[in-house]
Amino acid sequence: MHMSARWGISTPLYWRAMSQENVEIVRKVYGAAEDASGIEVLLGFATDDFVWTSDPQMPGGGTYRGEAARRYLNETYVFDEAEIDIDEIIDLGDDRVLGITAFRATPRQGRPMEWVWCHLLTFRDGLIAELRSYLDREEALKAAGLSG
């Protein structure tokens, strides 16, 4: 058994290893997110019934499952250039990870933009089963049970 400093509970070592694997998957997805091929990297780590819930402030914001999620992601990636800076990746336990990033991009027809983009991911059997995106850091922290 391993004592988790964060939660003050005893957890099996295999659980910590699985949790670390989830964090590494998130790092890989963010590493590939700088061009449209990153969508396929994300989906390569996702379940067949993967659910993407986009912040309502995003174009087409809403919830998409499976093939509809793939279509939505491919249709809304409209950038010539993109860069993602990871601020934090937080292992929440219970197969959940919170990523907090800064996303900078230049749309194919537009001026450069920058925004905070947070993602609350839920894993099932080592794959991403659900991803919820947030444009507000505090809202993401609250959804993750880390504030307010």
C-alpha atoms as a PDB file:
ATOM      1  CA  MET A   1       0.000   0.000   0.000  1.00  0.00           C
ATOM      2  CA  HIS A   2       1.032   3.566  -0.724  1.00  0.00           C
ATOM      3  CA  MET A   3      -0.091   6.464   1.447  1.00  0.00           C
ATOM      4  CA  SER A   4      -1.456   9.280  -0.678  1.00  0.00           C
ATOM      5  CA  ALA A   5      -0.326  12.594   0.784  1.00  0.00           C
ATOM      6  CA  ARG A   6      -3.036  14.433  -1.071  1.00  0.00           C
ATOM      7  CA  TRP A   7      -5.964  12.415   0.226  1.00  0.00           C
ATOM      8  CA  GLY A   8      -4.443  10.925   3.379  1.00  0.00           C
ATOM      9  CA  ILE A   9      -5.687   7.481   2.422  1.00  0.00           C
ATOM     10  CA  SER A  10      -3.992   4.229   1.653  1.00  0.00           C
ATOM     11  CA  THR A  11      -4.044   3.324  -2.044  1.00  0.00           C
ATOM     12  CA  PRO A  12      -2.663   0.281  -3.852  1.00  0.00           C
ATOM     13  CA  LEU A  13       0.438   0.958  -5.949  1.00  0.00           C
ATOM     14  CA  TYR A  14      -1.321  -0.267  -9.114  1.00  0.00           C
ATOM     15  CA  TRP A  15      -3.946   2.449  -8.656  1.00  0.00           C
ATOM     16  CA  ARG A  16      -1.242   5.126  -8.487  1.00  0.00           C
ATOM     17  CA  ALA A  17       0.396   3.660 -11.605  1.00  0.00           C
ATOM     18  CA  MET A  18      -2.920   3.728 -13.496  1.00  0.00           C
ATOM     19  CA  SER A  19      -3.542   7.278 -12.316  1.00  0.00           C
ATOM     20  CA  GLN A  20      -0.070   8.316 -13.528  1.00  0.00           C
ATOM     21  CA  GLU A  21      -0.805   6.670 -16.891  1.00  0.00           C
ATOM     22  CA  ASN A  22      -3.931   8.851 -17.165  1.00  0.00           C
ATOM     23  CA  VAL A  23      -1.856  11.981 -16.515  1.00  0.00           C
ATOM     24  CA  GLU A  24       0.649  10.889 -19.179  1.00  0.00           C
ATOM     25  CA  ILE A  25      -2.172  10.355 -21.690  1.00  0.00           C
ATOM     26  CA  VAL A  26      -3.347  13.919 -21.041  1.00  0.00           C
ATOM     27  CA  ARG A  27       0.223  15.182 -21.600  1.00  0.00           C
ATOM     28  CA  LYS A  28       0.397  13.290 -24.919  1.00  0.00           C
ATOM     29  CA  VAL A  29      -2.949  14.666 -26.069  1.00  0.00           C
ATOM     30  CA  TYR A  30      -1.899  18.223 -25.213  1.00  0.00           C
ATOM     31  CA  GLY A  31       1.439  17.667 -26.943  1.00  0.00           C
ATOM     32  CA  ALA A  32      -0.376  16.771 -30.161  1.00  0.00           C
ATOM     33  CA  ALA A  33      -3.027  19.503 -29.901  1.00  0.00           C
ATOM     34  CA  GLU A  34      -1.121  22.086 -31.905  1.00  0.00           C
ATOM     35  CA  ASP A  35      -2.555  20.923 -35.223  1.00  0.00           C
ATOM     36  CA  ALA A  36      -5.633  19.111 -36.514  1.00  0.00           C
ATOM     37  CA  SER A  37      -3.898  15.713 -36.255  1.00  0.00           C
ATOM     38  CA  GLY A  38      -4.170  16.143 -32.495  1.00  0.00           C
ATOM     39  CA  ILE A  39      -7.848  15.268 -32.775  1.00  0.00           C
ATOM     40  CA  GLU A  40      -6.924  11.783 -33.995  1.00  0.00           C
ATOM     41  CA  VAL A  41      -4.389  11.457 -31.162  1.00  0.00           C
ATOM     42  CA  LEU A  42      -7.116  12.360 -28.657  1.00  0.00           C
ATOM     43  CA  LEU A  43      -9.569   9.927 -30.220  1.00  0.00           C
ATOM     44  CA  GLY A  44      -6.890   7.224 -30.271  1.00  0.00           C
ATOM     45  CA  PHE A  45      -6.891   7.392 -26.463  1.00  0.00           C
ATOM     46  CA  ALA A  46     -10.708   7.517 -26.248  1.00  0.00           C
ATOM     47  CA  THR A  47     -13.432   4.922 -25.805  1.00  0.00           C
ATOM     48  CA  ASP A  48     -15.760   4.210 -28.746  1.00  0.00           C
ATOM     49  CA  ASP A  49     -18.565   5.965 -26.888  1.00  0.00           C
ATOM     50  CA  PHE A  50     -16.364   8.937 -25.927  1.00  0.00           C
ATOM     51  CA  VAL A  51     -18.318  12.036 -24.835  1.00  0.00           C
ATOM     52  CA  TRP A  52     -17.054  15.566 -25.511  1.00  0.00           C
ATOM     53  CA  THR A  53     -18.874  18.404 -23.759  1.00  0.00           C
ATOM     54  CA  SER A  54     -17.788  21.777 -25.035  1.00  0.00           C
ATOM     55  CA  ASP A  55     -18.121  24.940 -22.984  1.00  0.00           C
ATOM     56  CA  PRO A  56     -21.389  26.641 -24.001  1.00  0.00           C
ATOM     57  CA  GLN A  57     -19.388  29.760 -24.977  1.00  0.00           C
ATOM     58  CA  MET A  58     -17.573  27.799 -27.707  1.00  0.00           C
ATOM     59  CA  PRO A  59     -19.051  27.694 -31.214  1.00  0.00           C
ATOM     60  CA  GLY A  60     -21.454  24.760 -31.298  1.00  0.00           C
ATOM     61  CA  GLY A  61     -21.016  24.293 -27.548  1.00  0.00           C
ATOM     62  CA  GLY A  62     -22.829  21.223 -26.298  1.00  0.00           C
ATOM     63  CA  THR A  63     -22.441  17.500 -25.748  1.00  0.00           C
ATOM     64  CA  TYR A  64     -21.356  15.076 -28.484  1.00  0.00           C
ATOM     65  CA  ARG A  65     -20.918  11.293 -28.258  1.00  0.00           C
ATOM     66  CA  GLY A  66     -18.945   8.823 -30.377  1.00  0.00           C
ATOM     67  CA  GLU A  67     -18.890   9.646 -34.083  1.00  0.00           C
ATOM     68  CA  ALA A  68     -20.723  12.933 -33.454  1.00  0.00           C
ATOM     69  CA  ALA A  69     -17.843  13.987 -31.165  1.00  0.00           C
ATOM     70  CA  ARG A  70     -15.324  13.172 -33.910  1.00  0.00           C
ATOM     71  CA  ARG A  71     -17.294  15.240 -36.449  1.00  0.00           C
ATOM     72  CA  TYR A  72     -17.687  18.172 -34.054  1.00  0.00           C
ATOM     73  CA  LEU A  73     -13.965  18.255 -33.228  1.00  0.00           C
ATOM     74  CA  ASN A  74     -12.914  18.055 -36.869  1.00  0.00           C
ATOM     75  CA  GLU A  75     -15.404  20.739 -37.933  1.00  0.00           C
ATOM     76  CA  THR A  76     -14.440  23.193 -35.200  1.00  0.00           C
ATOM     77  CA  TYR A  77     -10.650  22.943 -35.549  1.00  0.00           C
ATOM     78  CA  VAL A  78     -10.199  25.959 -37.837  1.00  0.00           C
ATOM     79  CA  PHE A  79      -6.671  27.088 -37.001  1.00  0.00           C
ATOM     80  CA  ASP A  80      -3.630  27.615 -39.191  1.00  0.00           C
ATOM     81  CA  GLU A  81      -1.412  27.860 -36.131  1.00  0.00           C
ATOM     82  CA  ALA A  82      -1.999  26.783 -32.558  1.00  0.00           C
ATOM     83  CA  GLU A  83       0.040  26.516 -29.387  1.00  0.00           C
ATOM     84  CA  ILE A  84      -0.966  25.049 -26.063  1.00  0.00           C
ATOM     85  CA  ASP A  85       0.857  25.791 -22.820  1.00  0.00           C
ATOM     86  CA  ILE A  86       0.134  23.461 -19.933  1.00  0.00           C
ATOM     87  CA  ASP A  87      -0.354  25.346 -16.688  1.00  0.00           C
ATOM     88  CA  GLU A  88      -1.292  22.307 -14.590  1.00  0.00           C
ATOM     89  CA  ILE A  89      -2.376  18.711 -14.885  1.00  0.00           C
ATOM     90  CA  ILE A  90      -4.058  17.612 -11.677  1.00  0.00           C
ATOM     91  CA  ASP A  91      -4.627  13.962 -10.818  1.00  0.00           C
ATOM     92  CA  LEU A  92      -8.016  13.966  -9.093  1.00  0.00           C
ATOM     93  CA  GLY A  93      -8.125  10.246  -8.359  1.00  0.00           C
ATOM     94  CA  ASP A  94     -11.207   8.197  -9.210  1.00  0.00           C
ATOM     95  CA  ASP A  95     -10.034   8.046 -12.852  1.00  0.00           C
ATOM     96  CA  ARG A  96     -10.322  11.818 -13.295  1.00  0.00           C
ATOM     97  CA  VAL A  97      -7.732  14.353 -14.415  1.00  0.00           C
ATOM     98  CA  LEU A  98      -8.017  18.138 -14.743  1.00  0.00           C
ATOM     99  CA  GLY A  99      -5.889  19.940 -17.319  1.00  0.00           C
ATOM    100  CA  ILE A 100      -5.493  23.706 -17.187  1.00  0.00           C
ATOM    101  CA  THR A 101      -3.942  25.301 -20.254  1.00  0.00           C
ATOM    102  CA  ALA A 102      -3.488  28.498 -22.209  1.00  0.00           C
ATOM    103  CA  PHE A 103      -4.416  28.045 -25.870  1.00  0.00           C
ATOM    104  CA  ARG A 104      -3.153  30.458 -28.508  1.00  0.00           C
ATOM    105  CA  ALA A 105      -4.307  30.101 -32.077  1.00  0.00           C
ATOM    106  CA  THR A 106      -4.718  31.885 -35.373  1.00  0.00           C
ATOM    107  CA  PRO A 107      -7.914  30.949 -37.204  1.00  0.00           C
ATOM    108  CA  ARG A 108      -7.623  30.375 -40.956  1.00  0.00           C
ATOM    109  CA  GLN A 109      -9.503  33.620 -41.462  1.00  0.00           C
ATOM    110  CA  GLY A 110      -8.881  35.836 -38.500  1.00  0.00           C
ATOM    111  CA  ARG A 111      -6.561  37.375 -35.981  1.00  0.00           C
ATOM    112  CA  PRO A 112      -4.544  35.561 -33.317  1.00  0.00           C
ATOM    113  CA  MET A 113      -6.509  34.696 -30.181  1.00  0.00           C
ATOM    114  CA  GLU A 114      -5.682  33.400 -26.707  1.00  0.00           C
ATOM    115  CA  TRP A 115      -7.838  31.867 -24.004  1.00  0.00           C
ATOM    116  CA  VAL A 116      -7.742  29.705 -20.895  1.00  0.00           C
ATOM    117  CA  TRP A 117      -8.901  26.230 -21.827  1.00  0.00           C
ATOM    118  CA  CYS A 118      -9.470  23.658 -19.097  1.00  0.00           C
ATOM    119  CA  HIS A 119     -10.434  20.030 -19.526  1.00  0.00           C
ATOM    120  CA  LEU A 120     -11.945  17.664 -16.982  1.00  0.00           C
ATOM    121  CA  LEU A 121     -11.305  14.129 -18.230  1.00  0.00           C
ATOM    122  CA  THR A 122     -12.827  10.894 -16.959  1.00  0.00           C
ATOM    123  CA  PHE A 123     -11.091   7.616 -17.791  1.00  0.00           C
ATOM    124  CA  ARG A 124     -12.532   4.126 -18.118  1.00  0.00           C
ATOM    125  CA  ASP A 125     -10.302   1.087 -18.534  1.00  0.00           C
ATOM    126  CA  GLY A 126      -7.302   3.308 -19.324  1.00  0.00           C
ATOM    127  CA  LEU A 127      -9.105   5.311 -22.036  1.00  0.00           C
ATOM    128  CA  ILE A 128     -10.745   8.737 -22.044  1.00  0.00           C
ATOM    129  CA  ALA A 129     -14.475   8.178 -21.671  1.00  0.00           C
ATOM    130  CA  GLU A 130     -15.504  11.803 -21.210  1.00  0.00           C
ATOM    131  CA  LEU A 131     -13.971  15.230 -21.647  1.00  0.00           C
ATOM    132  CA  ARG A 132     -15.619  18.436 -20.492  1.00  0.00           C
ATOM    133  CA  SER A 133     -14.070  21.702 -21.633  1.00  0.00           C
ATOM    134  CA  TYR A 134     -14.231  24.970 -19.698  1.00  0.00           C
ATOM    135  CA  LEU A 135     -13.206  28.485 -20.679  1.00  0.00           C
ATOM    136  CA  ASP A 136     -13.203  29.580 -17.049  1.00  0.00           C
ATOM    137  CA  ARG A 137     -10.531  28.233 -14.686  1.00  0.00           C
ATOM    138  CA  GLU A 138     -12.650  28.713 -11.561  1.00  0.00           C
ATOM    139  CA  GLU A 139     -15.589  26.917 -13.137  1.00  0.00           C
ATOM    140  CA  ALA A 140     -13.305  23.992 -14.051  1.00  0.00           C
ATOM    141  CA  LEU A 141     -11.848  23.859 -10.527  1.00  0.00           C
ATOM    142  CA  LYS A 142     -15.360  23.879  -9.076  1.00  0.00           C
ATOM    143  CA  ALA A 143     -16.498  21.089 -11.434  1.00  0.00           C
ATOM    144  CA  ALA A 144     -13.454  19.088 -10.321  1.00  0.00           C
ATOM    145  CA  GLY A 145     -14.408  19.606  -6.648  1.00  0.00           C
ATOM    146  CA  LEU A 146     -11.366  21.774  -5.938  1.00  0.00           C
ATOM    147  CA  SER A 147     -13.065  25.065  -5.007  1.00  0.00           C
ATOM    148  CA  GLY A 148     -16.242  26.784  -3.935  1.00  0.00           C
END
